[in-house]
Amino acid sequence: MGEIKLVLGIVKSILGEVAGLQQKEIAVITPWREQVWKLRKGLRAAGFSGVDVGNVEVSVSVYAACSPGSTASNVKMVLEQGQMNDGL
């Protein structure tokens, strides 16, 4: 839940500071499919259904603002993370 709150804060901040920016111009990118679902659910529940949430296959070039998500949301992800090459 901590990352969802953090992402919500970032989205609210960006929308509040950038005049004319719309939700559909913001993307949250995360490497984990389960995390995509959790972030998407949290954003929708908070009224941000226009913000796209996807994995690294989302083309970030079409967005005005992107927020990377990188927190593993369960033990399986933590164990698998050691087998991945992560980077921004």
Foldseek 3Di string as FASTA:
>chain_A
DVVLVVVVVVLVVVPVPDPPFDQLQEEEEEADPVVLVVNCVSCVVVPSNNHHYYYPVDDNVSHPYYHYDYDDDDPVCVVCVVVDDDDD
